[in-house]
Amino acid sequence: MSKVGVGLLLSAVLVLTPVWAAAADFKVGVVDGMDVVSKSAAGKGVQDAITRK
């Protein structure tokens, strides 16, 4: 490879490595709405009111 090719390859690796690292830290998940509500204070109050009836 020529010096220019090696320089371009090295530049691409240095530029893309942080992008790959950021993509690895990026997590997409599904939020369970019922889980969130049941763990909140208001959700627990509603559950208590239902169990009392």
PDB file of N, CA and C in Angstrom:
ATOM      1  N   MET A   1       0.853  -1.188   0.000  1.00  0.00           N
ATOM      2  CA  MET A   1       0.000   0.000   0.000  1.00  0.00           C
ATOM      3  C   MET A   1       0.888   1.237   0.000  1.00  0.00           C
ATOM      4  N   SER A   2       0.372   2.240  -0.565  1.00  0.00           N
ATOM      5  CA  SER A   2       1.136   3.484  -0.583  1.00  0.00           C
ATOM      6  C   SER A   2       0.971   4.216   0.745  1.00  0.00           C
ATOM      7  N   LYS A   3       1.754   5.229   0.936  1.00  0.00           N
ATOM      8  CA  LYS A   3       1.677   6.006   2.177  1.00  0.00           C
ATOM      9  C   LYS A   3       0.317   6.688   2.313  1.00  0.00           C
ATOM     10  N   VAL A   4      -0.232   7.085   1.182  1.00  0.00           N
ATOM     11  CA  VAL A   4      -1.546   7.742   1.219  1.00  0.00           C
ATOM     12  C   VAL A   4      -2.612   6.739   1.656  1.00  0.00           C
ATOM     13  N   GLY A   5      -2.545   5.522   1.146  1.00  0.00           N
ATOM     14  CA  GLY A   5      -3.520   4.496   1.516  1.00  0.00           C
ATOM     15  C   GLY A   5      -3.441   4.142   2.984  1.00  0.00           C
ATOM     16  N   VAL A   6      -2.221   4.012   3.494  1.00  0.00           N
ATOM     17  CA  VAL A   6      -2.044   3.717   4.915  1.00  0.00           C
ATOM     18  C   VAL A   6      -2.560   4.877   5.758  1.00  0.00           C
ATOM     19  N   GLY A   7      -2.303   6.091   5.329  1.00  0.00           N
ATOM     20  CA  GLY A   7      -2.790   7.264   6.057  1.00  0.00           C
ATOM     21  C   GLY A   7      -4.308   7.326   6.081  1.00  0.00           C
ATOM     22  N   LEU A   8      -4.943   7.016   4.949  1.00  0.00           N
ATOM     23  CA  LEU A   8      -6.407   7.018   4.902  1.00  0.00           C
ATOM     24  C   LEU A   8      -6.996   5.908   5.770  1.00  0.00           C
ATOM     25  N   LEU A   9      -6.366   4.750   5.737  1.00  0.00           N
ATOM     26  CA  LEU A   9      -6.829   3.643   6.562  1.00  0.00           C
ATOM     27  C   LEU A   9      -6.699   3.972   8.048  1.00  0.00           C
ATOM     28  N   LEU A  10      -5.579   4.528   8.429  1.00  0.00           N
ATOM     29  CA  LEU A  10      -5.362   4.914   9.823  1.00  0.00           C
ATOM     30  C   LEU A  10      -6.346   5.995  10.252  1.00  0.00           C
ATOM     31  N   SER A  11      -6.589   6.963   9.384  1.00  0.00           N
ATOM     32  CA  SER A  11      -7.547   8.028   9.698  1.00  0.00           C
ATOM     33  C   SER A  11      -8.950   7.460   9.871  1.00  0.00           C
ATOM     34  N   ALA A  12      -9.331   6.529   8.999  1.00  0.00           N
ATOM     35  CA  ALA A  12     -10.665   5.935   9.088  1.00  0.00           C
ATOM     36  C   ALA A  12     -10.821   5.161  10.394  1.00  0.00           C
ATOM     37  N   VAL A  13      -9.792   4.423  10.790  1.00  0.00           N
ATOM     38  CA  VAL A  13      -9.861   3.659  12.041  1.00  0.00           C
ATOM     39  C   VAL A  13      -9.972   4.603  13.227  1.00  0.00           C
ATOM     40  N   LEU A  14      -9.207   5.676  13.222  1.00  0.00           N
ATOM     41  CA  LEU A  14      -9.238   6.619  14.346  1.00  0.00           C
ATOM     42  C   LEU A  14     -10.566   7.359  14.433  1.00  0.00           C
ATOM     43  N   VAL A  15     -11.188   7.591  13.293  1.00  0.00           N
ATOM     44  CA  VAL A  15     -12.470   8.298  13.291  1.00  0.00           C
ATOM     45  C   VAL A  15     -13.608   7.354  13.670  1.00  0.00           C
ATOM     46  N   LEU A  16     -13.569   6.116  13.175  1.00  0.00           N
ATOM     47  CA  LEU A  16     -14.691   5.207  13.375  1.00  0.00           C
ATOM     48  C   LEU A  16     -14.673   4.482  14.718  1.00  0.00           C
ATOM     49  N   THR A  17     -13.539   4.387  15.365  1.00  0.00           N
ATOM     50  CA  THR A  17     -13.474   3.683  16.650  1.00  0.00           C
ATOM     51  C   THR A  17     -14.384   4.314  17.708  1.00  0.00           C
ATOM     52  N   PRO A  18     -14.379   5.637  17.894  1.00  0.00           N
ATOM     53  CA  PRO A  18     -15.316   6.219  18.873  1.00  0.00           C
ATOM     54  C   PRO A  18     -16.777   6.011  18.487  1.00  0.00           C
ATOM     55  N   VAL A  19     -17.054   5.964  17.185  1.00  0.00           N
ATOM     56  CA  VAL A  19     -18.432   5.740  16.735  1.00  0.00           C
ATOM     57  C   VAL A  19     -18.870   4.328  17.112  1.00  0.00           C
ATOM     58  N   TRP A  20     -17.986   3.347  16.903  1.00  0.00           N
ATOM     59  CA  TRP A  20     -18.304   1.972  17.277  1.00  0.00           C
ATOM     60  C   TRP A  20     -18.483   1.853  18.778  1.00  0.00           C
ATOM     61  N   ALA A  21     -17.663   2.541  19.555  1.00  0.00           N
ATOM     62  CA  ALA A  21     -17.768   2.482  21.016  1.00  0.00           C
ATOM     63  C   ALA A  21     -19.092   3.087  21.478  1.00  0.00           C
ATOM     64  N   ALA A  22     -19.491   4.184  20.855  1.00  0.00           N
ATOM     65  CA  ALA A  22     -20.759   4.820  21.222  1.00  0.00           C
ATOM     66  C   ALA A  22     -21.932   3.919  20.853  1.00  0.00           C
ATOM     67  N   ALA A  23     -21.834   3.238  19.718  1.00  0.00           N
ATOM     68  CA  ALA A  23     -22.911   2.343  19.305  1.00  0.00           C
ATOM     69  C   ALA A  23     -23.026   1.160  20.255  1.00  0.00           C
ATOM     70  N   ALA A  24     -21.921   0.716  20.810  1.00  0.00           N
ATOM     71  CA  ALA A  24     -21.951  -0.408  21.747  1.00  0.00           C
ATOM     72  C   ALA A  24     -22.613   0.005  23.062  1.00  0.00           C
ATOM     73  N   ASP A  25     -22.481   1.258  23.462  1.00  0.00           N
ATOM     74  CA  ASP A  25     -23.087   1.735  24.703  1.00  0.00           C
ATOM     75  C   ASP A  25     -24.550   2.095  24.533  1.00  0.00           C
ATOM     76  N   PHE A  26     -24.977   2.293  23.296  1.00  0.00           N
ATOM     77  CA  PHE A  26     -26.356   2.702  23.021  1.00  0.00           C
ATOM     78  C   PHE A  26     -27.256   1.469  23.116  1.00  0.00           C
ATOM     79  N   LYS A  27     -28.205   1.500  24.022  1.00  0.00           N
ATOM     80  CA  LYS A  27     -29.092   0.364  24.214  1.00  0.00           C
ATOM     81  C   LYS A  27     -30.532   0.807  23.981  1.00  0.00           C
ATOM     82  N   VAL A  28     -31.231   0.014  23.230  1.00  0.00           N
ATOM     83  CA  VAL A  28     -32.642   0.277  22.979  1.00  0.00           C
ATOM     84  C   VAL A  28     -33.420  -0.850  23.623  1.00  0.00           C
ATOM     85  N   GLY A  29     -34.387  -0.494  24.414  1.00  0.00           N
ATOM     86  CA  GLY A  29     -35.165  -1.532  25.081  1.00  0.00           C
ATOM     87  C   GLY A  29     -36.642  -1.189  25.077  1.00  0.00           C
ATOM     88  N   VAL A  30     -37.420  -2.146  25.446  1.00  0.00           N
ATOM     89  CA  VAL A  30     -38.861  -1.961  25.543  1.00  0.00           C
ATOM     90  C   VAL A  30     -39.197  -1.685  27.002  1.00  0.00           C
ATOM     91  N   VAL A  31     -39.959  -0.643  27.230  1.00  0.00           N
ATOM     92  CA  VAL A  31     -40.348  -0.279  28.590  1.00  0.00           C
ATOM     93  C   VAL A  31     -41.716  -0.877  28.873  1.00  0.00           C
ATOM     94  N   ASP A  32     -41.806  -1.580  29.968  1.00  0.00           N
ATOM     95  CA  ASP A  32     -43.077  -2.152  30.390  1.00  0.00           C
ATOM     96  C   ASP A  32     -43.803  -1.112  31.234  1.00  0.00           C
ATOM     97  N   GLY A  33     -44.849  -0.556  30.685  1.00  0.00           N
ATOM     98  CA  GLY A  33     -45.597   0.500  31.364  1.00  0.00           C
ATOM     99  C   GLY A  33     -46.191   0.045  32.681  1.00  0.00           C
ATOM    100  N   MET A  34     -46.674  -1.173  32.725  1.00  0.00           N
ATOM    101  CA  MET A  34     -47.252  -1.691  33.962  1.00  0.00           C
ATOM    102  C   MET A  34     -46.192  -1.847  35.046  1.00  0.00           C
ATOM    103  N   ASP A  35     -44.988  -2.208  34.662  1.00  0.00           N
ATOM    104  CA  ASP A  35     -43.902  -2.340  35.627  1.00  0.00           C
ATOM    105  C   ASP A  35     -43.552  -0.986  36.228  1.00  0.00           C
ATOM    106  N   VAL A  36     -43.517   0.039  35.389  1.00  0.00           N
ATOM    107  CA  VAL A  36     -43.186   1.384  35.857  1.00  0.00           C
ATOM    108  C   VAL A  36     -44.268   1.888  36.805  1.00  0.00           C
ATOM    109  N   VAL A  37     -45.529   1.684  36.431  1.00  0.00           N
ATOM    110  CA  VAL A  37     -46.644   2.162  37.261  1.00  0.00           C
ATOM    111  C   VAL A  37     -46.695   1.406  38.579  1.00  0.00           C
ATOM    112  N   SER A  38     -46.454   0.096  38.537  1.00  0.00           N
ATOM    113  CA  SER A  38     -46.569  -0.686  39.767  1.00  0.00           C
ATOM    114  C   SER A  38     -45.458  -0.361  40.759  1.00  0.00           C
ATOM    115  N   LYS A  39     -44.348   0.143  40.288  1.00  0.00           N
ATOM    116  CA  LYS A  39     -43.246   0.485  41.184  1.00  0.00           C
ATOM    117  C   LYS A  39     -43.317   1.921  41.692  1.00  0.00           C
ATOM    118  N   SER A  40     -44.199   2.743  41.135  1.00  0.00           N
ATOM    119  CA  SER A  40     -44.303   4.129  41.581  1.00  0.00           C
ATOM    120  C   SER A  40     -45.189   4.194  42.831  1.00  0.00           C
ATOM    121  N   ALA A  41     -45.078   5.297  43.537  1.00  0.00           N
ATOM    122  CA  ALA A  41     -45.871   5.473  44.758  1.00  0.00           C
ATOM    123  C   ALA A  41     -47.360   5.531  44.426  1.00  0.00           C
ATOM    124  N   ALA A  42     -47.721   6.220  43.351  1.00  0.00           N
ATOM    125  CA  ALA A  42     -49.129   6.321  42.969  1.00  0.00           C
ATOM    126  C   ALA A  42     -49.667   4.960  42.548  1.00  0.00           C
ATOM    127  N   GLY A  43     -48.840   4.207  41.841  1.00  0.00           N
ATOM    128  CA  GLY A  43     -49.260   2.871  41.412  1.00  0.00           C
ATOM    129  C   GLY A  43     -49.490   1.944  42.590  1.00  0.00           C
ATOM    130  N   LYS A  44     -48.659   2.039  43.611  1.00  0.00           N
ATOM    131  CA  LYS A  44     -48.824   1.207  44.806  1.00  0.00           C
ATOM    132  C   LYS A  44     -50.084   1.610  45.565  1.00  0.00           C
ATOM    133  N   GLY A  45     -50.386   2.901  45.574  1.00  0.00           N
ATOM    134  CA  GLY A  45     -51.616   3.354  46.234  1.00  0.00           C
ATOM    135  C   GLY A  45     -52.853   2.811  45.543  1.00  0.00           C
ATOM    136  N   VAL A  46     -52.817   2.781  44.224  1.00  0.00           N
ATOM    137  CA  VAL A  46     -53.948   2.241  43.467  1.00  0.00           C
ATOM    138  C   VAL A  46     -54.083   0.744  43.736  1.00  0.00           C
ATOM    139  N   GLN A  47     -52.972   0.042  43.759  1.00  0.00           N
ATOM    140  CA  GLN A  47     -53.020  -1.397  44.029  1.00  0.00           C
ATOM    141  C   GLN A  47     -53.582  -1.671  45.426  1.00  0.00           C
ATOM    142  N   ASP A  48     -53.180  -0.857  46.395  1.00  0.00           N
ATOM    143  CA  ASP A  48     -53.715  -1.025  47.756  1.00  0.00           C
ATOM    144  C   ASP A  48     -55.221  -0.773  47.797  1.00  0.00           C
ATOM    145  N   ALA A  49     -55.664   0.248  47.063  1.00  0.00           N
ATOM    146  CA  ALA A  49     -57.092   0.553  47.034  1.00  0.00           C
ATOM    147  C   ALA A  49     -57.872  -0.583  46.386  1.00  0.00           C
ATOM    148  N   ILE A  50     -57.304  -1.202  45.370  1.00  0.00           N
ATOM    149  CA  ILE A  50     -57.993  -2.319  44.711  1.00  0.00           C
ATOM    150  C   ILE A  50     -58.050  -3.533  45.615  1.00  0.00           C
ATOM    151  N   THR A  51     -56.966  -3.813  46.317  1.00  0.00           N
ATOM    152  CA  THR A  51     -56.951  -5.001  47.187  1.00  0.00           C
ATOM    153  C   THR A  51     -57.868  -4.825  48.397  1.00  0.00           C
ATOM    154  N   ARG A  52     -58.126  -3.594  48.807  1.00  0.00           N
ATOM    155  CA  ARG A  52     -59.017  -3.352  49.944  1.00  0.00           C
ATOM    156  C   ARG A  52     -60.472  -3.649  49.588  1.00  0.00           C
ATOM    157  N   LYS A  53     -60.810  -3.489  48.315  1.00  0.00           N
ATOM    158  CA  LYS A  53     -62.214  -3.678  47.892  1.00  0.00           C
ATOM    159  C   LYS A  53     -62.577  -5.088  47.784  1.00  0.00           C
TER     160      LYS A  53
END
